[in-house]
Amino acid sequence: MMFLFFALTFGAYADTTIELLIDGKKHATVTVEEIKKMKSSDVEYYHRLIKRAEPYKGVPTTYLLEKAYPGFATKYSEVEFHGLDEYKSYVPVSQLLRYNSILSYQRADGDAFVRISTRTKTLTPLAPLYLVWDMRLVPKAERDALSSAYQIHVINMISKSVKTTETDNKIVKGYGYYKQYCINC
């Protein structure tokens, strides 16, 4: 059992294929190994539970999205990240453009690629990809609203809505607020 834990946290996902979708339909694929060959960046994420900064290495999120979905900033309204546990995390494209984040594939300091669950106090593998925000650039009031999706194996771009009525816009705006500030908790 311990071997399996180490295999999951120390690179067993290098050959994992990440599915890239548009509105739920297959668009392309990319492996974690291919992502590792792209321009990389390091981000330190301050973990509130253990009260220290953790360094992560990965590809800038907007860089990867632009490579996979040219013109994504104007064509899509949000990104849906699918975790291995079937959890879906929604992030508005505007948020990705406003704040610096990376899709991390490893810890920059060589530590295990895991996180401590604040709820269960257990270690959870983060691979194949982990969305990490550079919190130094995010106002404190907005930090809790940022989704930190992990075990990402599918990235689904959601197109901007077709023309809607004024009533529909109010519903869309309310749902967008709910997804941004509530659903990720």
Protein backbone atom coordinates (compact mmCIF):
# COMPACT_ATOMS: atom_id res chain seq x y z
CA MET A 1 0.00 0.00 0.00
CA MET A 2 2.82 2.42 0.84
CA PHE A 3 4.41 1.72 -2.57
CA LEU A 4 1.17 2.71 -4.29
CA PHE A 5 1.07 5.99 -2.33
CA PHE A 6 4.65 6.83 -3.39
CA ALA A 7 3.93 5.85 -7.00
CA LEU A 8 0.94 8.18 -7.04
CA THR A 9 2.82 11.11 -5.57
CA PHE A 10 6.22 10.81 -7.26
CA GLY A 11 5.64 10.91 -11.00
CA ALA A 12 3.42 7.98 -11.90
CA TYR A 13 1.25 10.47 -13.80
CA ALA A 14 3.96 11.67 -16.21
CA ASP A 15 2.45 9.71 -19.10
CA THR A 16 -1.14 10.61 -18.17
CA THR A 17 -3.18 12.10 -20.97
CA ILE A 18 -5.14 15.25 -20.21
CA GLU A 19 -8.34 15.51 -22.24
CA LEU A 20 -9.08 18.92 -23.72
CA LEU A 21 -12.76 19.57 -24.45
CA ILE A 22 -14.89 22.37 -25.86
CA ASP A 23 -18.46 22.40 -24.52
CA GLY A 24 -18.07 18.75 -23.53
CA LYS A 25 -16.84 17.58 -26.94
CA LYS A 26 -13.33 16.24 -27.52
CA HIS A 27 -10.97 18.87 -28.89
CA ALA A 28 -7.47 17.49 -28.30
CA THR A 29 -5.23 15.74 -25.79
CA VAL A 30 -1.89 16.54 -24.17
CA THR A 31 0.25 14.42 -21.86
CA VAL A 32 1.74 15.64 -18.59
CA GLU A 33 5.15 14.86 -20.11
CA GLU A 34 4.39 17.28 -22.99
CA ILE A 35 3.25 19.91 -20.49
CA LYS A 36 6.53 19.53 -18.58
CA LYS A 37 8.40 20.52 -21.78
CA MET A 38 6.49 23.82 -22.05
CA LYS A 39 7.50 27.13 -20.51
CA SER A 40 7.41 26.59 -16.74
CA SER A 41 6.95 28.86 -13.78
CA ASP A 42 7.12 28.54 -9.99
CA VAL A 43 4.45 29.78 -7.58
CA GLU A 44 4.47 29.73 -3.80
CA TYR A 45 1.13 28.89 -2.26
CA TYR A 46 0.61 29.72 1.41
CA HIS A 47 -1.10 26.79 3.09
CA ARG A 48 -3.25 27.99 6.00
CA LEU A 49 -3.36 24.63 7.80
CA ILE A 50 0.39 24.08 8.06
CA LYS A 51 1.14 27.82 8.11
CA ARG A 52 3.90 27.86 5.52
CA ALA A 53 4.45 28.56 1.86
CA GLU A 54 4.69 25.58 -0.49
CA PRO A 55 6.51 26.02 -3.83
CA TYR A 56 4.96 24.48 -6.95
CA LYS A 57 6.29 24.14 -10.50
CA GLY A 58 4.04 24.12 -13.54
CA VAL A 59 2.98 25.78 -16.75
CA PRO A 60 1.20 29.15 -16.58
CA THR A 61 -2.51 28.40 -16.95
CA THR A 62 -3.19 31.08 -19.56
CA TYR A 63 -0.14 29.97 -21.59
CA LEU A 64 -1.40 26.36 -21.77
CA LEU A 65 -4.95 27.45 -22.56
CA GLU A 66 -3.77 29.77 -25.36
CA LYS A 67 -1.70 26.93 -26.86
CA ALA A 68 -4.60 24.46 -26.66
CA TYR A 69 -7.43 26.89 -27.43
CA PRO A 70 -6.12 29.84 -29.52
CA GLY A 71 -8.05 33.02 -28.70
CA PHE A 72 -9.58 31.42 -25.59
CA ALA A 73 -9.84 34.77 -23.78
CA THR A 74 -12.52 36.04 -26.15
CA LYS A 75 -14.21 32.76 -27.17
CA TYR A 76 -14.96 31.15 -23.82
CA SER A 77 -16.61 32.29 -20.59
CA GLU A 78 -15.28 29.70 -18.16
CA VAL A 79 -13.09 26.67 -17.69
CA GLU A 80 -14.37 23.47 -16.14
CA PHE A 81 -11.64 21.36 -14.51
CA HIS A 82 -12.48 17.68 -13.86
CA GLY A 83 -10.74 15.88 -11.01
CA LEU A 84 -10.07 12.14 -10.86
CA ASP A 85 -12.68 11.96 -8.09
CA GLU A 86 -15.26 13.28 -10.62
CA TYR A 87 -15.44 16.68 -8.88
CA LYS A 88 -15.83 19.58 -11.32
CA SER A 89 -14.43 23.00 -10.54
CA TYR A 90 -15.52 26.07 -12.52
CA VAL A 91 -13.26 29.07 -13.05
CA PRO A 92 -14.31 32.17 -15.03
CA VAL A 93 -11.88 33.00 -17.84
CA SER A 94 -11.85 36.59 -16.54
CA GLN A 95 -10.43 35.31 -13.23
CA LEU A 96 -7.65 33.40 -15.02
CA LEU A 97 -6.78 36.55 -16.96
CA ARG A 98 -6.86 38.77 -13.85
CA TYR A 99 -4.72 36.62 -11.51
CA ASN A 100 -1.57 34.62 -12.07
CA SER A 101 -1.94 30.84 -11.78
CA ILE A 102 -0.17 27.70 -12.91
CA LEU A 103 -1.22 24.16 -13.68
CA SER A 104 1.30 22.46 -11.47
CA TYR A 105 2.69 18.98 -12.11
CA GLN A 106 5.15 18.82 -9.18
CA ARG A 107 6.44 20.54 -6.09
CA ALA A 108 9.35 22.89 -6.86
CA ASP A 109 11.20 21.80 -3.72
CA GLY A 110 11.02 18.06 -4.50
CA ASP A 111 8.56 17.25 -1.69
CA ALA A 112 5.71 14.83 -2.33
CA PHE A 113 3.04 16.18 -4.70
CA VAL A 114 0.27 15.95 -2.11
CA ARG A 115 -1.82 18.31 -0.04
CA ILE A 116 -3.14 18.07 3.47
CA SER A 117 -6.91 18.06 3.48
CA THR A 118 -8.17 20.78 5.83
CA ARG A 119 -11.34 18.77 6.42
CA THR A 120 -10.01 15.24 7.00
CA LYS A 121 -6.39 16.07 7.92
CA THR A 122 -5.17 13.39 5.48
CA LEU A 123 -2.76 13.52 2.53
CA THR A 124 -4.35 13.72 -0.91
CA PRO A 125 -2.34 13.24 -4.15
CA LEU A 126 -2.53 16.30 -6.43
CA ALA A 127 -1.43 14.68 -9.71
CA PRO A 128 -1.83 14.78 -12.62
CA LEU A 129 -2.36 18.60 -12.46
CA TYR A 130 -3.10 21.09 -9.67
CA LEU A 131 -4.40 24.64 -10.22
CA VAL A 132 -2.25 26.91 -8.03
CA TRP A 133 -2.87 30.65 -7.67
CA ASP A 134 -0.16 33.21 -6.88
CA MET A 135 -1.91 34.58 -3.79
CA ARG A 136 0.49 37.52 -3.49
CA LEU A 137 -1.40 39.13 -6.39
CA VAL A 138 -4.93 38.34 -5.18
CA PRO A 139 -6.76 40.73 -2.81
CA LYS A 140 -7.46 39.03 0.54
CA ALA A 141 -11.22 39.47 0.14
CA GLU A 142 -11.18 37.41 -3.08
CA ARG A 143 -8.84 34.57 -2.06
CA ASP A 144 -11.51 32.20 -0.74
CA ALA A 145 -13.45 32.49 -3.99
CA LEU A 146 -10.59 31.02 -6.04
CA SER A 147 -10.90 27.35 -6.87
CA SER A 148 -7.80 25.23 -6.36
CA ALA A 149 -8.76 22.22 -8.44
CA TYR A 150 -6.52 19.18 -8.11
CA GLN A 151 -6.12 15.78 -9.76
CA ILE A 152 -7.10 17.53 -13.00
CA HIS A 153 -7.36 15.13 -15.93
CA VAL A 154 -9.92 16.97 -18.11
CA ILE A 155 -10.08 20.65 -19.10
CA ASN A 156 -13.39 21.74 -20.67
CA MET A 157 -13.74 25.21 -22.17
CA ILE A 158 -17.30 26.53 -22.00
CA SER A 159 -18.31 28.84 -24.83
CA LYS A 160 -19.78 32.25 -24.23
CA SER A 161 -23.57 32.09 -24.20
CA VAL A 162 -25.56 32.92 -27.27
CA LYS A 163 -27.72 36.04 -27.10
CA THR A 164 -30.04 35.92 -24.08
CA THR A 165 -32.96 37.99 -22.84
CA GLU A 166 -32.66 40.45 -19.92
CA THR A 167 -34.31 37.93 -17.56
CA ASP A 168 -31.90 35.22 -18.69
CA ASN A 169 -28.99 37.59 -18.02
CA LYS A 170 -30.10 38.03 -14.39
CA ILE A 171 -30.26 34.26 -13.94
CA VAL A 172 -26.87 33.79 -15.62
CA LYS A 173 -25.36 36.53 -13.45
CA GLY A 174 -26.78 34.99 -10.24
CA TYR A 175 -25.60 31.53 -11.22
CA GLY A 176 -22.16 32.93 -12.11
CA TYR A 177 -21.94 34.54 -8.67
CA TYR A 178 -22.99 31.23 -7.05
CA LYS A 179 -20.35 29.30 -9.03
CA GLN A 180 -17.62 31.82 -8.28
CA TYR A 181 -18.23 32.32 -4.56
CA CYS A 182 -20.17 29.29 -3.34
CA ILE A 183 -19.79 26.08 -5.32
CA ASN A 184 -16.01 25.80 -4.89
CA CYS A 185 -16.37 25.58 -1.12
